[in-house]
């Protein structure tokens, strides 16, 4: 009998290799379970915050991978992925074997200017752009889809301020690409392997500090 961890690894490895994931019937067949049992295992994975399901019960996010457009594409020489946010998009080339470097592309939410970088495991890409994260870490999972949709990259501070004025949102945290790369580079280490465990809050806050991110927004 398959368990949730078997299904998690199956999902993540397909996303890493193909940039997509099978629907429920094929997932069930692949782990030799019926669809009802597989759906229950998916619900277990969602409860453990390993996947996010949409209203139809399909996988929408399996961080750092997404199954729809969240504003970022990530392209290696063999695979095209949707990145779930700025953080996840910079993480994919660091996580997936053979994906470094990959072309990460997006548009500025403030003015619509397109941006692209070659992101790899050897260090941050050059660029004067900034990341703006809207939702503090303590509230990321209140509505994780909203959180991911609002972890974006802007041309600079002016575009952040213009976007905040237009949307009426309160300012979150703003930081440079080098800090974004440090945040992303090892956050998901081990996620493609059996036995992966998400960081507890204290360990996450320590990781954020090492990346250069601290204070109430980051939980420490």
Protein backbone atom coordinates (compact mmCIF):
# COMPACT_ATOMS: atom_id res chain seq x y z
CA UNK A 1 0.00 0.00 0.00
CA UNK A 2 1.40 3.41 -0.99
CA UNK A 3 1.68 6.18 1.56
CA UNK A 4 1.65 9.97 1.29
CA UNK A 5 5.45 10.18 1.14
CA UNK A 6 5.60 7.78 -1.81
CA UNK A 7 3.08 9.97 -3.62
CA UNK A 8 4.93 13.17 -2.67
CA UNK A 9 8.20 11.94 -4.14
CA UNK A 10 6.39 10.72 -7.27
CA UNK A 11 4.80 14.17 -7.75
CA UNK A 12 7.95 16.16 -7.11
CA UNK A 13 10.17 14.08 -9.31
CA UNK A 14 7.78 14.33 -12.25
CA UNK A 15 7.54 18.08 -11.80
CA UNK A 16 11.33 18.36 -11.64
CA UNK A 17 11.85 16.22 -14.73
CA UNK A 18 8.91 17.29 -16.90
CA UNK A 19 7.56 20.58 -15.52
CA UNK A 20 4.12 18.99 -15.21
CA UNK A 21 2.25 16.47 -13.08
CA UNK A 22 -0.29 13.82 -14.02
CA UNK A 23 -3.94 14.05 -13.08
CA UNK A 24 -5.44 11.93 -10.33
CA UNK A 25 -6.23 8.80 -12.39
CA UNK A 26 -2.67 8.45 -13.65
CA UNK A 27 -1.18 9.21 -10.24
CA UNK A 28 -3.38 6.51 -8.72
CA UNK A 29 -2.41 3.96 -11.36
CA UNK A 30 1.28 4.76 -10.95
CA UNK A 31 1.27 4.13 -7.19
CA UNK A 32 -1.09 1.14 -7.58
CA UNK A 33 -3.96 2.68 -5.61
CA UNK A 34 -7.55 3.59 -6.41
CA UNK A 35 -8.49 7.20 -7.06
CA UNK A 36 -10.31 7.64 -3.76
CA UNK A 37 -7.28 6.54 -1.75
CA UNK A 38 -4.96 8.69 -3.86
CA UNK A 39 -7.20 11.73 -3.37
CA UNK A 40 -7.03 11.13 0.39
CA UNK A 41 -3.22 10.95 0.21
CA UNK A 42 -3.20 14.24 -1.71
CA UNK A 43 -5.32 15.77 1.03
CA UNK A 44 -2.77 14.51 3.58
CA UNK A 45 0.02 16.16 1.59
CA UNK A 46 -1.93 19.40 1.48
CA UNK A 47 -2.51 19.27 5.23
CA UNK A 48 1.27 18.81 5.69
CA UNK A 49 1.86 21.78 3.35
CA UNK A 50 3.68 19.78 0.70
CA UNK A 51 1.14 20.60 -2.04
CA UNK A 52 -1.66 23.09 -2.63
CA UNK A 53 -4.81 21.81 -4.33
CA UNK A 54 -7.23 23.85 -6.40
CA UNK A 55 -11.01 23.72 -6.05
CA UNK A 56 -11.18 20.63 -8.25
CA UNK A 57 -8.62 18.76 -6.13
CA UNK A 58 -5.82 19.09 -8.68
CA UNK A 59 -2.30 20.14 -7.71
CA UNK A 60 -1.81 23.89 -8.12
CA UNK A 61 1.48 24.27 -6.24
CA UNK A 62 4.17 21.87 -5.07
CA UNK A 63 6.80 24.37 -4.05
CA UNK A 64 8.93 25.43 -5.84
CA UNK A 65 6.87 24.19 -8.78
CA UNK A 66 3.52 25.47 -10.02
CA UNK A 67 1.12 23.99 -12.54
CA UNK A 68 -0.14 27.34 -13.83
CA UNK A 69 1.20 30.82 -14.48
CA UNK A 70 2.13 32.68 -11.30
CA UNK A 71 4.07 35.31 -13.24
CA UNK A 72 7.35 33.39 -13.69
CA UNK A 73 8.72 30.94 -16.21
CA UNK A 74 11.93 28.95 -15.67
CA UNK A 75 13.62 27.35 -18.69
CA UNK A 76 16.59 25.00 -18.70
CA UNK A 77 18.04 23.38 -21.82
CA UNK A 78 15.55 20.50 -21.44
CA UNK A 79 12.56 21.56 -19.32
CA UNK A 80 10.18 24.50 -18.94
CA UNK A 81 8.62 25.12 -15.54
CA UNK A 82 6.14 27.52 -13.99
CA UNK A 83 7.72 29.04 -10.91
CA UNK A 84 5.33 29.61 -8.01
CA UNK A 85 6.80 33.04 -7.18
CA UNK A 86 10.09 34.97 -7.27
CA UNK A 87 11.48 32.83 -4.43
CA UNK A 88 10.51 29.54 -6.07
CA UNK A 89 11.69 30.59 -9.52
CA UNK A 90 15.17 31.34 -8.24
CA UNK A 91 15.07 28.04 -6.30
CA UNK A 92 14.33 25.71 -9.23
CA UNK A 93 17.76 26.03 -10.92
CA UNK A 94 19.37 25.33 -7.54
CA UNK A 95 17.17 22.33 -6.72
CA UNK A 96 16.78 20.38 -9.96
CA UNK A 97 19.86 18.39 -11.04
CA UNK A 98 21.22 19.68 -14.33
CA UNK A 99 19.04 22.81 -14.31
CA UNK A 100 21.81 25.29 -13.50
CA UNK A 101 21.73 27.77 -15.11
CA UNK A 102 18.14 28.35 -16.23
CA UNK A 103 16.45 31.37 -17.78
CA UNK A 104 14.02 32.95 -15.29
CA UNK A 105 11.59 35.41 -16.89
CA UNK A 106 8.85 37.67 -15.55
CA UNK A 107 7.33 41.13 -15.93
CA UNK A 108 7.35 44.00 -13.47
CA UNK A 109 3.91 44.30 -11.80
CA UNK A 110 4.44 48.04 -11.54
CA UNK A 111 5.01 48.93 -15.17
CA UNK A 112 4.93 45.72 -17.21
CA UNK A 113 8.59 45.80 -18.24
CA UNK A 114 9.88 42.29 -19.06
CA UNK A 115 12.89 40.96 -17.17
CA UNK A 116 15.00 37.83 -17.54
CA UNK A 117 18.08 36.44 -15.81
CA UNK A 118 20.28 33.37 -16.10
CA UNK A 119 19.99 31.90 -12.61
CA UNK A 120 22.33 29.17 -11.44
CA UNK A 121 23.90 27.59 -8.42
CA UNK A 122 27.18 29.48 -8.70
CA UNK A 123 25.88 32.83 -7.45
CA UNK A 124 23.22 35.51 -7.90
CA UNK A 125 22.54 37.02 -11.32
CA UNK A 126 23.41 40.68 -11.97
CA UNK A 127 20.60 43.22 -11.96
CA UNK A 128 19.28 46.31 -10.21
CA UNK A 129 15.75 44.94 -9.85
CA UNK A 130 14.20 44.33 -6.43
CA UNK A 131 11.95 41.69 -4.95
CA UNK A 132 8.87 42.74 -3.01
CA UNK A 133 7.19 40.19 -0.73
CA UNK A 134 3.78 41.35 0.42
CA UNK A 135 2.82 38.82 3.11
CA UNK A 136 4.83 38.36 6.35
CA UNK A 137 6.13 34.84 6.95
CA UNK A 138 3.81 34.27 9.91
CA UNK A 139 0.81 34.61 7.55
CA UNK A 140 2.12 32.88 4.41
CA UNK A 141 -0.23 29.92 4.82
CA UNK A 142 -3.33 31.97 5.66
CA UNK A 143 -3.81 32.08 1.89
CA UNK A 144 -0.72 30.61 0.27
CA UNK A 145 -1.91 31.22 -3.30
CA UNK A 146 -2.35 34.93 -2.55
CA UNK A 147 1.08 34.91 -0.90
CA UNK A 148 2.77 33.37 -3.93
CA UNK A 149 1.00 35.67 -6.35
CA UNK A 150 2.51 38.59 -4.44
CA UNK A 151 6.15 37.56 -4.19
CA UNK A 152 7.27 39.43 -7.29
CA UNK A 153 10.22 41.23 -8.87
CA UNK A 154 10.00 44.93 -9.79
CA UNK A 155 12.22 47.26 -11.83
CA UNK A 156 13.07 49.15 -8.65
CA UNK A 157 11.65 50.94 -5.64
CA UNK A 158 9.70 53.41 -7.79
CA UNK A 159 7.73 50.62 -9.43
CA UNK A 160 7.04 49.04 -6.03
CA UNK A 161 5.66 52.33 -4.74
CA UNK A 162 3.55 52.84 -7.87
CA UNK A 163 2.09 49.34 -7.53
CA UNK A 164 1.32 49.83 -3.83
CA UNK A 165 -0.43 53.12 -4.57
CA UNK A 166 -2.48 51.56 -7.35
CA UNK A 167 -3.49 48.43 -5.43
CA UNK A 168 -3.89 49.98 -1.98
CA UNK A 169 -1.69 47.27 -0.45
CA UNK A 170 0.63 47.95 2.47
CA UNK A 171 4.35 47.69 1.84
CA UNK A 172 5.89 44.33 2.67
CA UNK A 173 9.64 43.72 2.48
CA UNK A 174 11.89 44.83 -0.38
CA UNK A 175 15.35 43.42 -1.09
CA UNK A 176 17.83 42.96 -3.92
CA UNK A 177 18.41 40.03 -6.27
CA UNK A 178 21.48 38.83 -4.39
CA UNK A 179 19.39 38.44 -1.24
CA UNK A 180 16.63 36.71 -3.20
CA UNK A 181 19.17 34.24 -4.58
CA UNK A 182 20.57 33.51 -1.10
CA UNK A 183 17.02 32.97 0.16
CA UNK A 184 16.21 30.57 -2.65
CA UNK A 185 19.49 28.73 -3.15
CA UNK A 186 19.21 26.11 -0.39
CA UNK A 187 15.67 26.52 0.90
CA UNK A 188 14.37 23.37 -0.80
CA UNK A 189 17.48 21.20 -0.51
CA UNK A 190 16.43 17.55 -0.27
CA UNK A 191 12.86 18.11 -1.42
CA UNK A 192 13.15 15.66 -4.31
CA UNK A 193 14.27 12.84 -2.00
CA UNK A 194 12.33 10.56 0.38
CA UNK A 195 12.17 11.69 3.99
CA UNK A 196 12.18 15.44 3.34
CA UNK A 197 11.01 17.53 6.28
CA UNK A 198 9.93 21.15 6.18
CA UNK A 199 11.80 23.53 8.50
CA UNK A 200 10.27 24.38 11.84
CA UNK A 201 9.74 28.14 12.46
CA UNK A 202 12.93 28.63 14.51
CA UNK A 203 15.07 26.90 11.89
CA UNK A 204 13.37 28.88 9.13
CA UNK A 205 14.06 32.19 10.92
CA UNK A 206 17.73 31.21 11.31
CA UNK A 207 17.93 30.39 7.60
CA UNK A 208 16.37 33.76 6.74
CA UNK A 209 18.91 35.57 8.93
CA UNK A 210 21.75 33.80 7.17
CA UNK A 211 20.30 35.02 3.86
CA UNK A 212 20.28 38.60 5.21
CA UNK A 213 16.57 38.77 6.09
CA UNK A 214 15.46 39.46 9.65
CA UNK A 215 12.95 41.38 11.72
CA UNK A 216 9.24 40.88 12.42
CA UNK A 217 8.38 40.31 8.75
CA UNK A 218 10.64 37.23 8.73
CA UNK A 219 9.72 35.89 12.15
CA UNK A 220 12.84 36.90 14.02
